[in-house]
Amino acid sequence: MNAMELRKGNWVLSPSPVQVETIGYEGINIDSFGKTSYPFEKLAGIPITRELLEEAHFIEGEKEFQGYIMSVLEREGKMEIYTFEDKTTLIEFPCQYVHQLQNLHFHLMGDELPQLSFI
């Protein structure tokens, strides 16, 4: 997993879901004392599913979202989210994993994605 994609509060797999508390040089910690850590190479993204998107109030198709156009599609069995400033300018922020969706939501809305039931 790429450390540059992570921030405090993100959910990732290792092998079960864990929430990032701190990020170090070699991995993440899931407690503020650094006693429970996971190396980056042992982490994976939690795939976005249709059910997860519905729970987070995203819908398939296009929706204007604070001046951005969000496009949610199912492609090759995976859910993907893309954002556009207008109908032609793609902002490079494709989402396939929960931590990417958390980061996108925070970037656009300024707050955290609501807690989801898989947690």
N, C-alpha and C. Protein backbone atom coordinates (compact mmCIF):
# COMPACT_ATOMS: atom_id res chain seq x y z
N MET A 1 0.85 -1.18 0.00
CA MET A 1 0.00 0.00 0.00
C MET A 1 0.90 1.24 0.00
N ASN A 2 0.47 2.24 -0.72
CA ASN A 2 1.20 3.49 -0.83
C ASN A 2 0.87 4.38 0.38
N ALA A 3 1.89 4.71 1.17
CA ALA A 3 1.69 5.53 2.37
C ALA A 3 1.12 6.90 2.03
N MET A 4 1.39 7.41 0.83
CA MET A 4 0.91 8.74 0.44
C MET A 4 -0.62 8.79 0.30
N GLU A 5 -1.28 7.63 0.19
CA GLU A 5 -2.74 7.59 0.08
C GLU A 5 -3.43 7.59 1.43
N LEU A 6 -2.67 7.43 2.50
CA LEU A 6 -3.28 7.25 3.81
C LEU A 6 -3.26 8.51 4.67
N ARG A 7 -4.26 8.60 5.54
CA ARG A 7 -4.29 9.63 6.56
C ARG A 7 -4.99 9.05 7.78
N LYS A 8 -4.86 9.72 8.90
CA LYS A 8 -5.48 9.26 10.14
C LYS A 8 -6.98 9.07 9.93
N GLY A 9 -7.50 7.95 10.41
CA GLY A 9 -8.92 7.67 10.30
C GLY A 9 -9.28 6.76 9.14
N ASN A 10 -8.35 6.55 8.19
CA ASN A 10 -8.63 5.66 7.05
C ASN A 10 -8.77 4.21 7.53
N TRP A 11 -9.62 3.46 6.81
CA TRP A 11 -9.80 2.04 7.06
C TRP A 11 -9.10 1.25 5.96
N VAL A 12 -8.32 0.24 6.36
CA VAL A 12 -7.60 -0.63 5.43
C VAL A 12 -7.69 -2.06 5.95
N LEU A 13 -7.26 -3.03 5.13
CA LEU A 13 -7.24 -4.43 5.53
C LEU A 13 -5.84 -4.87 5.92
N SER A 14 -5.78 -5.68 7.02
CA SER A 14 -4.49 -6.25 7.42
C SER A 14 -4.67 -7.44 8.35
N PRO A 15 -5.15 -8.57 8.05
CA PRO A 15 -6.05 -8.90 6.95
C PRO A 15 -7.50 -8.53 7.24
N SER A 16 -7.83 -8.18 8.49
CA SER A 16 -9.17 -7.69 8.80
C SER A 16 -9.14 -6.16 8.81
N PRO A 17 -10.30 -5.51 8.79
CA PRO A 17 -10.30 -4.04 8.78
C PRO A 17 -9.66 -3.44 10.03
N VAL A 18 -8.76 -2.47 9.80
CA VAL A 18 -8.14 -1.71 10.89
C VAL A 18 -8.18 -0.24 10.52
N GLN A 19 -8.23 0.62 11.53
CA GLN A 19 -8.29 2.06 11.30
C GLN A 19 -6.94 2.69 11.63
N VAL A 20 -6.45 3.52 10.73
CA VAL A 20 -5.15 4.17 10.88
C VAL A 20 -5.23 5.22 11.99
N GLU A 21 -4.33 5.11 12.94
CA GLU A 21 -4.20 6.12 14.00
C GLU A 21 -3.01 7.02 13.69
N THR A 22 -1.86 6.43 13.39
CA THR A 22 -0.67 7.19 13.01
C THR A 22 0.01 6.49 11.84
N ILE A 23 0.81 7.25 11.10
CA ILE A 23 1.54 6.72 9.95
C ILE A 23 3.02 6.94 10.19
N GLY A 24 3.80 5.87 10.08
CA GLY A 24 5.24 5.95 10.29
C GLY A 24 5.99 5.73 8.99
N TYR A 25 7.30 5.56 9.10
CA TYR A 25 8.14 5.34 7.92
C TYR A 25 7.91 3.98 7.29
N GLU A 26 7.60 2.97 8.11
CA GLU A 26 7.50 1.61 7.60
C GLU A 26 6.10 1.04 7.64
N GLY A 27 5.16 1.76 8.26
CA GLY A 27 3.81 1.22 8.34
C GLY A 27 2.89 2.13 9.14
N ILE A 28 1.74 1.56 9.52
CA ILE A 28 0.75 2.31 10.29
C ILE A 28 0.66 1.76 11.70
N ASN A 29 0.15 2.58 12.60
CA ASN A 29 -0.19 2.16 13.95
C ASN A 29 -1.69 2.32 14.10
N ILE A 30 -2.29 1.40 14.86
CA ILE A 30 -3.73 1.51 15.07
C ILE A 30 -4.06 1.92 16.50
N ASP A 31 -3.02 2.28 17.25
CA ASP A 31 -3.22 2.89 18.57
C ASP A 31 -2.25 4.06 18.68
N SER A 32 -2.57 5.00 19.54
CA SER A 32 -1.75 6.22 19.61
C SER A 32 -0.40 6.00 20.28
N PHE A 33 -0.17 4.83 20.84
CA PHE A 33 1.10 4.54 21.50
C PHE A 33 2.08 3.82 20.59
N GLY A 34 1.64 3.43 19.38
CA GLY A 34 2.52 2.74 18.44
C GLY A 34 2.80 1.30 18.81
N LYS A 35 1.99 0.73 19.69
CA LYS A 35 2.21 -0.65 20.11
C LYS A 35 1.66 -1.68 19.12
N THR A 36 0.67 -1.31 18.36
CA THR A 36 0.10 -2.23 17.37
C THR A 36 0.33 -1.63 15.99
N SER A 37 1.30 -2.19 15.28
CA SER A 37 1.64 -1.63 13.98
C SER A 37 1.56 -2.69 12.89
N TYR A 38 1.38 -2.21 11.67
CA TYR A 38 1.29 -3.06 10.50
C TYR A 38 2.18 -2.45 9.41
N PRO A 39 3.06 -3.24 8.80
CA PRO A 39 3.90 -2.71 7.71
C PRO A 39 3.05 -2.44 6.46
N PHE A 40 3.46 -1.44 5.67
CA PHE A 40 2.71 -1.07 4.47
C PHE A 40 2.50 -2.26 3.53
N GLU A 41 3.52 -3.12 3.40
CA GLU A 41 3.39 -4.23 2.45
C GLU A 41 2.37 -5.28 2.89
N LYS A 42 1.92 -5.22 4.14
CA LYS A 42 0.89 -6.15 4.63
C LYS A 42 -0.51 -5.54 4.57
N LEU A 43 -0.62 -4.30 4.10
CA LEU A 43 -1.91 -3.62 4.05
C LEU A 43 -2.52 -3.71 2.66
N ALA A 44 -3.83 -3.70 2.60
CA ALA A 44 -4.56 -3.69 1.32
C ALA A 44 -5.78 -2.79 1.47
N GLY A 45 -6.26 -2.30 0.35
CA GLY A 45 -7.47 -1.49 0.37
C GLY A 45 -8.70 -2.36 0.55
N ILE A 46 -9.74 -1.78 1.14
CA ILE A 46 -11.04 -2.45 1.26
C ILE A 46 -11.83 -2.06 0.01
N PRO A 47 -12.15 -3.03 -0.85
CA PRO A 47 -12.84 -2.69 -2.10
C PRO A 47 -14.19 -2.02 -1.84
N ILE A 48 -14.49 -1.03 -2.67
CA ILE A 48 -15.79 -0.36 -2.61
C ILE A 48 -16.82 -1.27 -3.26
N THR A 49 -17.94 -1.47 -2.60
CA THR A 49 -19.03 -2.26 -3.15
C THR A 49 -20.25 -1.37 -3.37
N ARG A 50 -21.17 -1.87 -4.14
CA ARG A 50 -22.43 -1.15 -4.38
C ARG A 50 -23.14 -0.88 -3.05
N GLU A 51 -23.18 -1.88 -2.17
CA GLU A 51 -23.86 -1.73 -0.88
C GLU A 51 -23.20 -0.65 -0.03
N LEU A 52 -21.89 -0.62 -0.03
CA LEU A 52 -21.16 0.39 0.73
C LEU A 52 -21.46 1.79 0.19
N LEU A 53 -21.48 1.94 -1.12
CA LEU A 53 -21.78 3.24 -1.72
C LEU A 53 -23.20 3.68 -1.39
N GLU A 54 -24.15 2.75 -1.43
CA GLU A 54 -25.53 3.09 -1.08
C GLU A 54 -25.62 3.52 0.38
N GLU A 55 -24.91 2.81 1.25
CA GLU A 55 -24.91 3.17 2.68
C GLU A 55 -24.32 4.56 2.90
N ALA A 56 -23.32 4.93 2.07
CA ALA A 56 -22.68 6.24 2.18
C ALA A 56 -23.43 7.31 1.38
N HIS A 57 -24.59 6.96 0.82
CA HIS A 57 -25.47 7.86 0.08
C HIS A 57 -24.90 8.32 -1.27
N PHE A 58 -24.08 7.48 -1.90
CA PHE A 58 -23.66 7.72 -3.27
C PHE A 58 -24.59 6.92 -4.17
N ILE A 59 -24.83 7.42 -5.36
CA ILE A 59 -25.70 6.72 -6.30
C ILE A 59 -24.95 6.53 -7.61
N GLU A 60 -25.34 5.49 -8.36
CA GLU A 60 -24.71 5.27 -9.65
C GLU A 60 -25.20 6.34 -10.62
N GLY A 61 -24.32 6.84 -11.45
CA GLY A 61 -24.64 7.91 -12.39
C GLY A 61 -23.89 9.17 -11.99
N GLU A 62 -24.36 10.29 -12.46
CA GLU A 62 -23.70 11.56 -12.16
C GLU A 62 -24.52 12.38 -11.18
N LYS A 63 -23.82 13.09 -10.32
CA LYS A 63 -24.47 13.93 -9.32
C LYS A 63 -23.58 15.13 -9.05
N GLU A 64 -24.15 16.32 -9.02
CA GLU A 64 -23.35 17.50 -8.68
C GLU A 64 -23.16 17.55 -7.18
N PHE A 65 -21.94 17.84 -6.78
CA PHE A 65 -21.53 17.75 -5.39
C PHE A 65 -20.65 18.94 -5.09
N GLN A 66 -21.19 20.02 -4.58
CA GLN A 66 -20.45 21.25 -4.25
C GLN A 66 -19.56 21.73 -5.40
N GLY A 67 -20.15 21.87 -6.58
CA GLY A 67 -19.42 22.38 -7.73
C GLY A 67 -18.66 21.32 -8.50
N TYR A 68 -18.61 20.09 -7.98
CA TYR A 68 -17.96 19.00 -8.68
C TYR A 68 -19.03 18.06 -9.21
N ILE A 69 -18.73 17.38 -10.27
CA ILE A 69 -19.63 16.36 -10.78
C ILE A 69 -19.01 15.02 -10.42
N MET A 70 -19.76 14.21 -9.70
CA MET A 70 -19.29 12.88 -9.29
C MET A 70 -19.89 11.86 -10.23
N SER A 71 -19.08 10.99 -10.74
CA SER A 71 -19.55 9.92 -11.60
C SER A 71 -19.24 8.59 -10.92
N VAL A 72 -20.27 7.84 -10.61
CA VAL A 72 -20.11 6.53 -9.97
C VAL A 72 -20.48 5.47 -10.99
N LEU A 73 -19.55 4.57 -11.28
CA LEU A 73 -19.83 3.53 -12.26
C LEU A 73 -19.38 2.17 -11.79
N GLU A 74 -20.00 1.16 -12.34
CA GLU A 74 -19.54 -0.20 -12.11
C GLU A 74 -18.86 -0.64 -13.38
N ARG A 75 -17.58 -1.00 -13.26
CA ARG A 75 -16.81 -1.39 -14.44
C ARG A 75 -16.02 -2.65 -14.10
N GLU A 76 -16.20 -3.67 -14.92
CA GLU A 76 -15.49 -4.94 -14.73
C GLU A 76 -15.66 -5.47 -13.31
N GLY A 77 -16.87 -5.36 -12.78
CA GLY A 77 -17.17 -5.88 -11.46
C GLY A 77 -16.68 -5.03 -10.30
N LYS A 78 -16.11 -3.86 -10.57
CA LYS A 78 -15.61 -2.98 -9.51
C LYS A 78 -16.36 -1.66 -9.57
N MET A 79 -16.61 -1.10 -8.39
CA MET A 79 -17.22 0.22 -8.33
C MET A 79 -16.11 1.25 -8.41
N GLU A 80 -16.29 2.29 -9.22
CA GLU A 80 -15.30 3.34 -9.36
C GLU A 80 -16.00 4.69 -9.28
N ILE A 81 -15.31 5.66 -8.72
CA ILE A 81 -15.84 7.02 -8.61
C ILE A 81 -14.83 7.95 -9.25
N TYR A 82 -15.32 8.85 -10.09
CA TYR A 82 -14.48 9.86 -10.72
C TYR A 82 -15.10 11.22 -10.44
N THR A 83 -14.29 12.24 -10.39
CA THR A 83 -14.82 13.58 -10.19
C THR A 83 -14.41 14.47 -11.36
N PHE A 84 -15.27 15.40 -11.69
CA PHE A 84 -15.06 16.34 -12.78
C PHE A 84 -15.31 17.74 -12.26
N GLU A 85 -14.53 18.72 -12.73
CA GLU A 85 -14.83 20.11 -12.39
C GLU A 85 -15.99 20.60 -13.26
N ASP A 86 -16.06 20.07 -14.43
CA ASP A 86 -17.18 20.33 -15.33
C ASP A 86 -17.34 19.05 -16.14
N LYS A 87 -18.13 19.07 -17.17
CA LYS A 87 -18.39 17.84 -17.93
C LYS A 87 -17.16 17.35 -18.69
N THR A 88 -16.11 18.15 -18.78
CA THR A 88 -14.97 17.74 -19.60
C THR A 88 -13.66 17.58 -18.83
N THR A 89 -13.52 18.19 -17.67
CA THR A 89 -12.24 18.19 -16.97
C THR A 89 -12.24 17.16 -15.84
N LEU A 90 -11.52 16.08 -16.05
CA LEU A 90 -11.44 15.03 -15.04
C LEU A 90 -10.40 15.39 -14.00
N ILE A 91 -10.78 15.32 -12.75
CA ILE A 91 -9.83 15.45 -11.65
C ILE A 91 -9.33 14.04 -11.37
N GLU A 92 -8.04 13.85 -11.41
CA GLU A 92 -7.49 12.51 -11.25
C GLU A 92 -7.64 12.03 -9.80
N PHE A 93 -8.75 11.43 -9.51
CA PHE A 93 -9.00 10.90 -8.18
C PHE A 93 -9.93 9.69 -8.29
N PRO A 94 -9.54 8.69 -9.09
CA PRO A 94 -10.40 7.50 -9.17
C PRO A 94 -10.40 6.75 -7.84
N CYS A 95 -11.52 6.24 -7.44
CA CYS A 95 -11.64 5.52 -6.17
C CYS A 95 -12.06 4.09 -6.42
N GLN A 96 -11.32 3.17 -5.85
CA GLN A 96 -11.71 1.77 -5.87
C GLN A 96 -11.75 1.19 -4.46
N TYR A 97 -11.19 1.94 -3.48
CA TYR A 97 -11.08 1.42 -2.12
C TYR A 97 -11.65 2.42 -1.11
N VAL A 98 -12.05 1.89 0.05
CA VAL A 98 -12.69 2.71 1.08
C VAL A 98 -11.81 3.88 1.50
N HIS A 99 -10.51 3.67 1.71
CA HIS A 99 -9.65 4.78 2.15
C HIS A 99 -9.61 5.89 1.10
N GLN A 100 -9.68 5.55 -0.18
CA GLN A 100 -9.72 6.57 -1.24
C GLN A 100 -11.04 7.32 -1.20
N LEU A 101 -12.14 6.61 -0.96
CA LEU A 101 -13.45 7.25 -0.84
C LEU A 101 -13.48 8.17 0.38
N GLN A 102 -12.89 7.73 1.49
CA GLN A 102 -12.82 8.59 2.68
C GLN A 102 -12.06 9.88 2.37
N ASN A 103 -10.94 9.75 1.66
CA ASN A 103 -10.13 10.92 1.33
C ASN A 103 -10.85 11.85 0.37
N LEU A 104 -11.53 11.29 -0.63
CA LEU A 104 -12.28 12.10 -1.59
C LEU A 104 -13.41 12.85 -0.87
N HIS A 105 -14.16 12.16 -0.04
CA HIS A 105 -15.26 12.79 0.70
C HIS A 105 -14.73 13.93 1.57
N PHE A 106 -13.61 13.70 2.26
CA PHE A 106 -13.03 14.74 3.11
C PHE A 106 -12.57 15.92 2.27
N HIS A 107 -11.96 15.65 1.12
CA HIS A 107 -11.47 16.71 0.24
C HIS A 107 -12.62 17.58 -0.28
N LEU A 108 -13.71 16.95 -0.68
CA LEU A 108 -14.82 17.70 -1.28
C LEU A 108 -15.76 18.30 -0.23
N MET A 109 -16.00 17.59 0.85
CA MET A 109 -17.01 18.01 1.81
C MET A 109 -16.43 18.66 3.07
N GLY A 110 -15.16 18.39 3.36
CA GLY A 110 -14.54 18.96 4.55
C GLY A 110 -14.88 18.24 5.83
N ASP A 111 -15.52 17.08 5.73
CA ASP A 111 -15.79 16.28 6.92
C ASP A 111 -15.61 14.80 6.59
N GLU A 112 -15.71 13.98 7.61
CA GLU A 112 -15.47 12.55 7.44
C GLU A 112 -16.69 11.85 6.86
N LEU A 113 -16.42 10.79 6.14
CA LEU A 113 -17.47 9.90 5.65
C LEU A 113 -18.16 9.28 6.88
N PRO A 114 -19.48 9.17 6.87
CA PRO A 114 -20.15 8.56 8.02
C PRO A 114 -19.62 7.14 8.25
N GLN A 115 -19.66 6.69 9.51
CA GLN A 115 -19.21 5.32 9.82
C GLN A 115 -20.06 4.33 9.08
N LEU A 116 -19.42 3.33 8.51
CA LEU A 116 -20.11 2.32 7.71
C LEU A 116 -20.26 1.02 8.48
N SER A 117 -21.25 0.21 8.09
CA SER A 117 -21.61 -0.97 8.89
C SER A 117 -20.55 -2.06 8.87
N PHE A 118 -19.63 -2.09 7.90
CA PHE A 118 -18.64 -3.16 7.89
C PHE A 118 -17.68 -3.03 9.05
N ILE A 119 -17.68 -1.87 9.69
CA ILE A 119 -16.73 -1.59 10.77
C ILE A 119 -17.30 -2.07 12.10
